[in-house]
Amino acid sequence: MSIVEAHLRAITSLPLSYEMKEDSIYVPFYEDQIEAIERVLMIYPNWRFTFYPIVKSETKKTKEAIGHMIIETKEMEKILAILAENDL
């Protein structure tokens, strides 16, 4: 589903078609973490990564998230350890 479709469904109170099957972890990430994100993106392709468009150059100077990842898992402790090892 595109972000436009998701937005239109949200503002019209329609359900989103995606249903999570397991527990999930939502992790925002920032400009200073981009190397770690590139690393885990290659190792864990089943994690859902979303990168936000940068609309202003000041975003790099502030502590605004540049994206997020959603990780569905039944092994929370293991995933939290992986995130900690990668400084995320």
PDB file of N, CA and C in Angstrom:
ATOM      1  N   MET A   1       0.847  -1.161   0.000  1.00  0.00           N
ATOM      2  CA  MET A   1       0.000   0.000   0.000  1.00  0.00           C
ATOM      3  C   MET A   1       0.900   1.234   0.000  1.00  0.00           C
ATOM      4  N   SER A   2       0.555   2.196  -0.808  1.00  0.00           N
ATOM      5  CA  SER A   2       1.346   3.422  -0.858  1.00  0.00           C
ATOM      6  C   SER A   2       1.029   4.285   0.355  1.00  0.00           C
ATOM      7  N   ILE A   3       1.909   5.231   0.614  1.00  0.00           N
ATOM      8  CA  ILE A   3       1.687   6.139   1.740  1.00  0.00           C
ATOM      9  C   ILE A   3       0.453   7.006   1.496  1.00  0.00           C
ATOM     10  N   VAL A   4       0.191   7.331   0.245  1.00  0.00           N
ATOM     11  CA  VAL A   4      -1.000   8.129  -0.097  1.00  0.00           C
ATOM     12  C   VAL A   4      -2.260   7.332   0.220  1.00  0.00           C
ATOM     13  N   GLU A   5      -2.280   6.068  -0.192  1.00  0.00           N
ATOM     14  CA  GLU A   5      -3.444   5.233   0.103  1.00  0.00           C
ATOM     15  C   GLU A   5      -3.621   5.062   1.606  1.00  0.00           C
ATOM     16  N   ALA A   6      -2.540   4.827   2.321  1.00  0.00           N
ATOM     17  CA  ALA A   6      -2.619   4.673   3.772  1.00  0.00           C
ATOM     18  C   ALA A   6      -3.155   5.942   4.422  1.00  0.00           C
ATOM     19  N   HIS A   7      -2.696   7.086   3.961  1.00  0.00           N
ATOM     20  CA  HIS A   7      -3.166   8.362   4.517  1.00  0.00           C
ATOM     21  C   HIS A   7      -4.665   8.546   4.244  1.00  0.00           C
ATOM     22  N   LEU A   8      -5.081   8.305   3.019  1.00  0.00           N
ATOM     23  CA  LEU A   8      -6.502   8.456   2.686  1.00  0.00           C
ATOM     24  C   LEU A   8      -7.371   7.490   3.480  1.00  0.00           C
ATOM     25  N   ARG A   9      -6.903   6.263   3.666  1.00  0.00           N
ATOM     26  CA  ARG A   9      -7.674   5.299   4.447  1.00  0.00           C
ATOM     27  C   ARG A   9      -7.740   5.737   5.913  1.00  0.00           C
ATOM     28  N   ALA A  10      -6.650   6.294   6.415  1.00  0.00           N
ATOM     29  CA  ALA A  10      -6.633   6.734   7.812  1.00  0.00           C
ATOM     30  C   ALA A  10      -7.583   7.902   8.048  1.00  0.00           C
ATOM     31  N   ILE A  11      -7.570   8.893   7.160  1.00  0.00           N
ATOM     32  CA  ILE A  11      -8.423  10.068   7.389  1.00  0.00           C
ATOM     33  C   ILE A  11      -9.895   9.791   7.114  1.00  0.00           C
ATOM     34  N   THR A  12     -10.186   8.690   6.410  1.00  0.00           N
ATOM     35  CA  THR A  12     -11.588   8.329   6.178  1.00  0.00           C
ATOM     36  C   THR A  12     -12.047   7.186   7.081  1.00  0.00           C
ATOM     37  N   SER A  13     -11.226   6.852   8.070  1.00  0.00           N
ATOM     38  CA  SER A  13     -11.531   5.812   9.053  1.00  0.00           C
ATOM     39  C   SER A  13     -11.716   4.431   8.436  1.00  0.00           C
ATOM     40  N   LEU A  14     -11.064   4.168   7.316  1.00  0.00           N
ATOM     41  CA  LEU A  14     -11.079   2.838   6.724  1.00  0.00           C
ATOM     42  C   LEU A  14      -9.930   2.027   7.325  1.00  0.00           C
ATOM     43  N   PRO A  15     -10.088   0.733   7.423  1.00  0.00           N
ATOM     44  CA  PRO A  15      -8.997  -0.067   8.002  1.00  0.00           C
ATOM     45  C   PRO A  15      -7.809  -0.137   7.045  1.00  0.00           C
ATOM     46  N   LEU A  16      -6.633  -0.225   7.627  1.00  0.00           N
ATOM     47  CA  LEU A  16      -5.437  -0.457   6.824  1.00  0.00           C
ATOM     48  C   LEU A  16      -5.368  -1.944   6.527  1.00  0.00           C
ATOM     49  N   SER A  17      -4.922  -2.300   5.356  1.00  0.00           N
ATOM     50  CA  SER A  17      -4.965  -3.705   4.956  1.00  0.00           C
ATOM     51  C   SER A  17      -3.888  -4.542   5.619  1.00  0.00           C
ATOM     52  N   TYR A  18      -2.876  -3.927   6.197  1.00  0.00           N
ATOM     53  CA  TYR A  18      -1.793  -4.693   6.795  1.00  0.00           C
ATOM     54  C   TYR A  18      -2.114  -5.033   8.240  1.00  0.00           C
ATOM     55  N   GLU A  19      -2.024  -6.305   8.570  1.00  0.00           N
ATOM     56  CA  GLU A  19      -2.216  -6.740   9.949  1.00  0.00           C
ATOM     57  C   GLU A  19      -0.947  -7.423  10.424  1.00  0.00           C
ATOM     58  N   MET A  20      -0.485  -7.046  11.586  1.00  0.00           N
ATOM     59  CA  MET A  20       0.712  -7.656  12.134  1.00  0.00           C
ATOM     60  C   MET A  20       0.342  -9.003  12.740  1.00  0.00           C
ATOM     61  N   LYS A  21       1.177  -9.990  12.464  1.00  0.00           N
ATOM     62  CA  LYS A  21       0.903 -11.348  12.917  1.00  0.00           C
ATOM     63  C   LYS A  21       1.597 -11.680  14.224  1.00  0.00           C
ATOM     64  N   GLU A  22       2.592 -10.876  14.595  1.00  0.00           N
ATOM     65  CA  GLU A  22       3.372 -11.139  15.794  1.00  0.00           C
ATOM     66  C   GLU A  22       3.532  -9.835  16.572  1.00  0.00           C
ATOM     67  N   ASP A  23       4.197  -9.937  17.723  1.00  0.00           N
ATOM     68  CA  ASP A  23       4.559  -8.725  18.445  1.00  0.00           C
ATOM     69  C   ASP A  23       5.544  -7.944  17.596  1.00  0.00           C
ATOM     70  N   SER A  24       5.538  -6.629  17.749  1.00  0.00           N
ATOM     71  CA  SER A  24       6.399  -5.796  16.919  1.00  0.00           C
ATOM     72  C   SER A  24       7.160  -4.785  17.757  1.00  0.00           C
ATOM     73  N   ILE A  25       8.292  -4.379  17.215  1.00  0.00           N
ATOM     74  CA  ILE A  25       9.101  -3.328  17.815  1.00  0.00           C
ATOM     75  C   ILE A  25       9.201  -2.201  16.799  1.00  0.00           C
ATOM     76  N   TYR A  26       8.915  -0.990  17.226  1.00  0.00           N
ATOM     77  CA  TYR A  26       9.048   0.196  16.388  1.00  0.00           C
ATOM     78  C   TYR A  26      10.315   0.923  16.818  1.00  0.00           C
ATOM     79  N   VAL A  27      11.223   1.167  15.864  1.00  0.00           N
ATOM     80  CA  VAL A  27      12.502   1.789  16.190  1.00  0.00           C
ATOM     81  C   VAL A  27      12.742   2.969  15.241  1.00  0.00           C
ATOM     82  N   PRO A  28      12.664   4.211  15.741  1.00  0.00           N
ATOM     83  CA  PRO A  28      13.042   5.336  14.884  1.00  0.00           C
ATOM     84  C   PRO A  28      14.562   5.387  14.769  1.00  0.00           C
ATOM     85  N   PHE A  29      15.048   5.924  13.653  1.00  0.00           N
ATOM     86  CA  PHE A  29      16.496   6.085  13.534  1.00  0.00           C
ATOM     87  C   PHE A  29      16.830   7.471  13.019  1.00  0.00           C
ATOM     88  N   TYR A  30      18.074   7.871  13.274  1.00  0.00           N
ATOM     89  CA  TYR A  30      18.521   9.242  13.064  1.00  0.00           C
ATOM     90  C   TYR A  30      19.747   9.276  12.157  1.00  0.00           C
ATOM     91  N   GLU A  31      20.085  10.461  11.684  1.00  0.00           N
ATOM     92  CA  GLU A  31      21.190  10.644  10.748  1.00  0.00           C
ATOM     93  C   GLU A  31      22.491  10.030  11.247  1.00  0.00           C
ATOM     94  N   ASP A  32      22.787  10.185  12.524  1.00  0.00           N
ATOM     95  CA  ASP A  32      24.053   9.657  13.054  1.00  0.00           C
ATOM     96  C   ASP A  32      24.064   8.129  13.160  1.00  0.00           C
ATOM     97  N   GLN A  33      22.947   7.468  12.891  1.00  0.00           N
ATOM     98  CA  GLN A  33      22.872   6.009  12.940  1.00  0.00           C
ATOM     99  C   GLN A  33      22.834   5.372  11.552  1.00  0.00           C
ATOM    100  N   ILE A  34      23.040   6.155  10.505  1.00  0.00           N
ATOM    101  CA  ILE A  34      22.828   5.650   9.148  1.00  0.00           C
ATOM    102  C   ILE A  34      23.749   4.475   8.803  1.00  0.00           C
ATOM    103  N   GLU A  35      24.985   4.474   9.292  1.00  0.00           N
ATOM    104  CA  GLU A  35      25.882   3.348   9.010  1.00  0.00           C
ATOM    105  C   GLU A  35      25.352   2.051   9.629  1.00  0.00           C
ATOM    106  N   ALA A  36      24.852   2.145  10.843  1.00  0.00           N
ATOM    107  CA  ALA A  36      24.271   0.960  11.498  1.00  0.00           C
ATOM    108  C   ALA A  36      23.023   0.495  10.756  1.00  0.00           C
ATOM    109  N   ILE A  37      22.221   1.437  10.281  1.00  0.00           N
ATOM    110  CA  ILE A  37      21.006   1.091   9.535  1.00  0.00           C
ATOM    111  C   ILE A  37      21.376   0.379   8.242  1.00  0.00           C
ATOM    112  N   GLU A  38      22.366   0.879   7.531  1.00  0.00           N
ATOM    113  CA  GLU A  38      22.804   0.227   6.289  1.00  0.00           C
ATOM    114  C   GLU A  38      23.294  -1.196   6.562  1.00  0.00           C
ATOM    115  N   ARG A  39      23.964  -1.388   7.676  1.00  0.00           N
ATOM    116  CA  ARG A  39      24.474  -2.706   8.044  1.00  0.00           C
ATOM    117  C   ARG A  39      23.323  -3.681   8.342  1.00  0.00           C
ATOM    118  N   VAL A  40      22.399  -3.286   9.197  1.00  0.00           N
ATOM    119  CA  VAL A  40      21.311  -4.211   9.560  1.00  0.00           C
ATOM    120  C   VAL A  40      20.323  -4.392   8.410  1.00  0.00           C
ATOM    121  N   LEU A  41      20.228  -3.415   7.523  1.00  0.00           N
ATOM    122  CA  LEU A  41      19.360  -3.542   6.348  1.00  0.00           C
ATOM    123  C   LEU A  41      19.806  -4.712   5.475  1.00  0.00           C
ATOM    124  N   MET A  42      21.118  -4.899   5.362  1.00  0.00           N
ATOM    125  CA  MET A  42      21.646  -6.002   4.557  1.00  0.00           C
ATOM    126  C   MET A  42      21.525  -7.350   5.280  1.00  0.00           C
ATOM    127  N   ILE A  43      21.642  -7.331   6.596  1.00  0.00           N
ATOM    128  CA  ILE A  43      21.620  -8.580   7.365  1.00  0.00           C
ATOM    129  C   ILE A  43      20.192  -9.060   7.620  1.00  0.00           C
ATOM    130  N   TYR A  44      19.272  -8.135   7.839  1.00  0.00           N
ATOM    131  CA  TYR A  44      17.884  -8.478   8.194  1.00  0.00           C
ATOM    132  C   TYR A  44      16.906  -7.876   7.185  1.00  0.00           C
ATOM    133  N   PRO A  45      16.823  -8.416   5.969  1.00  0.00           N
ATOM    134  CA  PRO A  45      15.953  -7.836   4.948  1.00  0.00           C
ATOM    135  C   PRO A  45      14.455  -7.977   5.249  1.00  0.00           C
ATOM    136  N   ASN A  46      14.085  -8.838   6.198  1.00  0.00           N
ATOM    137  CA  ASN A  46      12.662  -9.003   6.525  1.00  0.00           C
ATOM    138  C   ASN A  46      12.157  -7.929   7.493  1.00  0.00           C
ATOM    139  N   TRP A  47      13.066  -7.116   8.056  1.00  0.00           N
ATOM    140  CA  TRP A  47      12.626  -5.991   8.869  1.00  0.00           C
ATOM    141  C   TRP A  47      12.078  -4.935   7.919  1.00  0.00           C
ATOM    142  N   ARG A  48      11.038  -4.237   8.319  1.00  0.00           N
ATOM    143  CA  ARG A  48      10.424  -3.224   7.454  1.00  0.00           C
ATOM    144  C   ARG A  48      11.036  -1.858   7.743  1.00  0.00           C
ATOM    145  N   PHE A  49      11.773  -1.331   6.768  1.00  0.00           N
ATOM    146  CA  PHE A  49      12.433  -0.034   6.890  1.00  0.00           C
ATOM    147  C   PHE A  49      11.651   1.012   6.121  1.00  0.00           C
ATOM    148  N   THR A  50      11.494   2.175   6.727  1.00  0.00           N
ATOM    149  CA  THR A  50      10.871   3.317   6.065  1.00  0.00           C
ATOM    150  C   THR A  50      11.803   4.504   6.225  1.00  0.00           C
ATOM    151  N   PHE A  51      12.181   5.104   5.100  1.00  0.00           N
ATOM    152  CA  PHE A  51      13.034   6.281   5.130  1.00  0.00           C
ATOM    153  C   PHE A  51      12.173   7.487   4.781  1.00  0.00           C
ATOM    154  N   TYR A  52      12.265   8.524   5.608  1.00  0.00           N
ATOM    155  CA  TYR A  52      11.472   9.728   5.391  1.00  0.00           C
ATOM    156  C   TYR A  52      12.191  10.644   4.408  1.00  0.00           C
ATOM    157  N   PRO A  53      11.440  11.349   3.563  1.00  0.00           N
ATOM    158  CA  PRO A  53      12.096  12.324   2.691  1.00  0.00           C
ATOM    159  C   PRO A  53      12.613  13.494   3.523  1.00  0.00           C
ATOM    160  N   ILE A  54      13.797  13.966   3.198  1.00  0.00           N
ATOM    161  CA  ILE A  54      14.356  15.118   3.903  1.00  0.00           C
ATOM    162  C   ILE A  54      13.902  16.360   3.156  1.00  0.00           C
ATOM    163  N   VAL A  55      13.074  17.159   3.807  1.00  0.00           N
ATOM    164  CA  VAL A  55      12.500  18.326   3.148  1.00  0.00           C
ATOM    165  C   VAL A  55      13.259  19.609   3.444  1.00  0.00           C
ATOM    166  N   LYS A  56      14.168  19.562   4.376  1.00  0.00           N
ATOM    167  CA  LYS A  56      14.959  20.751   4.678  1.00  0.00           C
ATOM    168  C   LYS A  56      16.347  20.336   5.125  1.00  0.00           C
ATOM    169  N   SER A  57      17.324  21.132   4.806  1.00  0.00           N
ATOM    170  CA  SER A  57      18.706  20.782   5.130  1.00  0.00           C
ATOM    171  C   SER A  57      18.974  20.852   6.627  1.00  0.00           C
ATOM    172  N   GLU A  58      18.154  21.571   7.385  1.00  0.00           N
ATOM    173  CA  GLU A  58      18.355  21.673   8.832  1.00  0.00           C
ATOM    174  C   GLU A  58      18.073  20.363   9.551  1.00  0.00           C
ATOM    175  N   THR A  59      17.393  19.434   8.887  1.00  0.00           N
ATOM    176  CA  THR A  59      17.060  18.155   9.508  1.00  0.00           C
ATOM    177  C   THR A  59      18.320  17.428   9.963  1.00  0.00           C
ATOM    178  N   LYS A  60      19.393  17.546   9.180  1.00  0.00           N
ATOM    179  CA  LYS A  60      20.635  16.870   9.545  1.00  0.00           C
ATOM    180  C   LYS A  60      21.250  17.455  10.803  1.00  0.00           C
ATOM    181  N   LYS A  61      20.958  18.714  11.091  1.00  0.00           N
ATOM    182  CA  LYS A  61      21.542  19.376  12.249  1.00  0.00           C
ATOM    183  C   LYS A  61      20.703  19.184  13.510  1.00  0.00           C
ATOM    184  N   THR A  62      19.462  18.807  13.330  1.00  0.00           N
ATOM    185  CA  THR A  62      18.582  18.594  14.475  1.00  0.00           C
ATOM    186  C   THR A  62      18.471  17.103  14.756  1.00  0.00           C
ATOM    187  N   LYS A  63      17.825  16.767  15.825  1.00  0.00           N
ATOM    188  CA  LYS A  63      17.682  15.365  16.210  1.00  0.00           C
ATOM    189  C   LYS A  63      16.317  14.839  15.761  1.00  0.00           C
ATOM    190  N   GLU A  64      15.992  15.059  14.476  1.00  0.00           N
ATOM    191  CA  GLU A  64      14.746  14.537  13.934  1.00  0.00           C
ATOM    192  C   GLU A  64      15.000  13.175  13.309  1.00  0.00           C
ATOM    193  N   ALA A  65      14.056  12.272  13.452  1.00  0.00           N
ATOM    194  CA  ALA A  65      14.192  10.941  12.864  1.00  0.00           C
ATOM    195  C   ALA A  65      14.207  11.061  11.344  1.00  0.00           C
ATOM    196  N   ILE A  66      15.048  10.244  10.710  1.00  0.00           N
ATOM    197  CA  ILE A  66      15.084  10.211   9.249  1.00  0.00           C
ATOM    198  C   ILE A  66      14.375   8.964   8.722  1.00  0.00           C
ATOM    199  N   GLY A  67      13.840   8.155   9.639  1.00  0.00           N
ATOM    200  CA  GLY A  67      13.117   6.962   9.252  1.00  0.00           C
ATOM    201  C   GLY A  67      12.798   6.105  10.460  1.00  0.00           C
ATOM    202  N   HIS A  68      12.222   4.955  10.189  1.00  0.00           N
ATOM    203  CA  HIS A  68      11.940   4.007  11.263  1.00  0.00           C
ATOM    204  C   HIS A  68      11.947   2.597  10.701  1.00  0.00           C
ATOM    205  N   MET A  69      12.031   1.637  11.597  1.00  0.00           N
ATOM    206  CA  MET A  69      11.899   0.243  11.202  1.00  0.00           C
ATOM    207  C   MET A  69      10.895  -0.427  12.127  1.00  0.00           C
ATOM    208  N   ILE A  70      10.200  -1.376  11.566  1.00  0.00           N
ATOM    209  CA  ILE A  70       9.250  -2.176  12.336  1.00  0.00           C
ATOM    210  C   ILE A  70       9.716  -3.615  12.227  1.00  0.00           C
ATOM    211  N   ILE A  71       9.920  -4.219  13.372  1.00  0.00           N
ATOM    212  CA  ILE A  71      10.433  -5.578  13.420  1.00  0.00           C
ATOM    213  C   ILE A  71       9.379  -6.460  14.079  1.00  0.00           C
ATOM    214  N   GLU A  72       8.853  -7.402  13.309  1.00  0.00           N
ATOM    215  CA  GLU A  72       7.903  -8.367  13.866  1.00  0.00           C
ATOM    216  C   GLU A  72       8.693  -9.563  14.365  1.00  0.00           C
ATOM    217  N   THR A  73       8.433  -9.968  15.593  1.00  0.00           N
ATOM    218  CA  THR A  73       9.208 -11.063  16.169  1.00  0.00           C
ATOM    219  C   THR A  73       8.474 -11.725  17.325  1.00  0.00           C
ATOM    220  N   LYS A  74       8.829 -12.958  17.564  1.00  0.00           N
ATOM    221  CA  LYS A  74       8.382 -13.659  18.766  1.00  0.00           C
ATOM    222  C   LYS A  74       9.521 -13.721  19.774  1.00  0.00           C
ATOM    223  N   GLU A  75      10.697 -13.236  19.355  1.00  0.00           N
ATOM    224  CA  GLU A  75      11.894 -13.288  20.196  1.00  0.00           C
ATOM    225  C   GLU A  75      12.343 -11.870  20.551  1.00  0.00           C
ATOM    226  N   MET A  76      11.576 -11.201  21.372  1.00  0.00           N
ATOM    227  CA  MET A  76      11.838  -9.804  21.726  1.00  0.00           C
ATOM    228  C   MET A  76      13.232  -9.588  22.309  1.00  0.00           C
ATOM    229  N   GLU A  77      13.615 -10.408  23.262  1.00  0.00           N
ATOM    230  CA  GLU A  77      14.906 -10.232  23.923  1.00  0.00           C
ATOM    231  C   GLU A  77      16.061 -10.339  22.930  1.00  0.00           C
ATOM    232  N   LYS A  78      15.967 -11.281  22.015  1.00  0.00           N
ATOM    233  CA  LYS A  78      17.013 -11.462  21.001  1.00  0.00           C
ATOM    234  C   LYS A  78      17.112 -10.226  20.110  1.00  0.00           C
ATOM    235  N   ILE A  79      15.981  -9.713  19.659  1.00  0.00           N
ATOM    236  CA  ILE A  79      15.978  -8.535  18.781  1.00  0.00           C
ATOM    237  C   ILE A  79      16.486  -7.311  19.531  1.00  0.00           C
ATOM    238  N   LEU A  80      16.080  -7.136  20.774  1.00  0.00           N
ATOM    239  CA  LEU A  80      16.569  -6.001  21.558  1.00  0.00           C
ATOM    240  C   LEU A  80      18.078  -6.076  21.743  1.00  0.00           C
ATOM    241  N   ALA A  81      18.622  -7.284  21.902  1.00  0.00           N
ATOM    242  CA  ALA A  81      20.071  -7.455  22.014  1.00  0.00           C
ATOM    243  C   ALA A  81      20.767  -7.098  20.703  1.00  0.00           C
ATOM    244  N   ILE A  82      20.189  -7.500  19.581  1.00  0.00           N
ATOM    245  CA  ILE A  82      20.757  -7.157  18.270  1.00  0.00           C
ATOM    246  C   ILE A  82      20.750  -5.648  18.072  1.00  0.00           C
ATOM    247  N   LEU A  83      19.664  -4.995  18.452  1.00  0.00           N
ATOM    248  CA  LEU A  83      19.586  -3.540  18.328  1.00  0.00           C
ATOM    249  C   LEU A  83      20.641  -2.855  19.201  1.00  0.00           C
ATOM    250  N   ALA A  84      20.822  -3.346  20.406  1.00  0.00           N
ATOM    251  CA  ALA A  84      21.814  -2.773  21.315  1.00  0.00           C
ATOM    252  C   ALA A  84      23.230  -2.969  20.777  1.00  0.00           C
ATOM    253  N   GLU A  85      23.515  -4.133  20.215  1.00  0.00           N
ATOM    254  CA  GLU A  85      24.835  -4.399  19.641  1.00  0.00           C
ATOM    255  C   GLU A  85      25.150  -3.449  18.495  1.00  0.00           C
ATOM    256  N   ASN A  86      24.135  -3.011  17.786  1.00  0.00           N
ATOM    257  CA  ASN A  86      24.323  -2.135  16.628  1.00  0.00           C
ATOM    258  C   ASN A  86      24.083  -0.666  16.965  1.00  0.00           C
ATOM    259  N   ASP A  87      24.000  -0.340  18.244  1.00  0.00           N
ATOM    260  CA  ASP A  87      23.786   1.035  18.698  1.00  0.00           C
ATOM    261  C   ASP A  87      22.520   1.663  18.114  1.00  0.00           C
ATOM    262  N   LEU A  88      21.459   0.889  18.100  1.00  0.00           N
ATOM    263  CA  LEU A  88      20.177   1.392  17.612  1.00  0.00           C
ATOM    264  C   LEU A  88      19.158   1.441  18.724  1.00  0.00           C
TER     265      LEU A  88
END
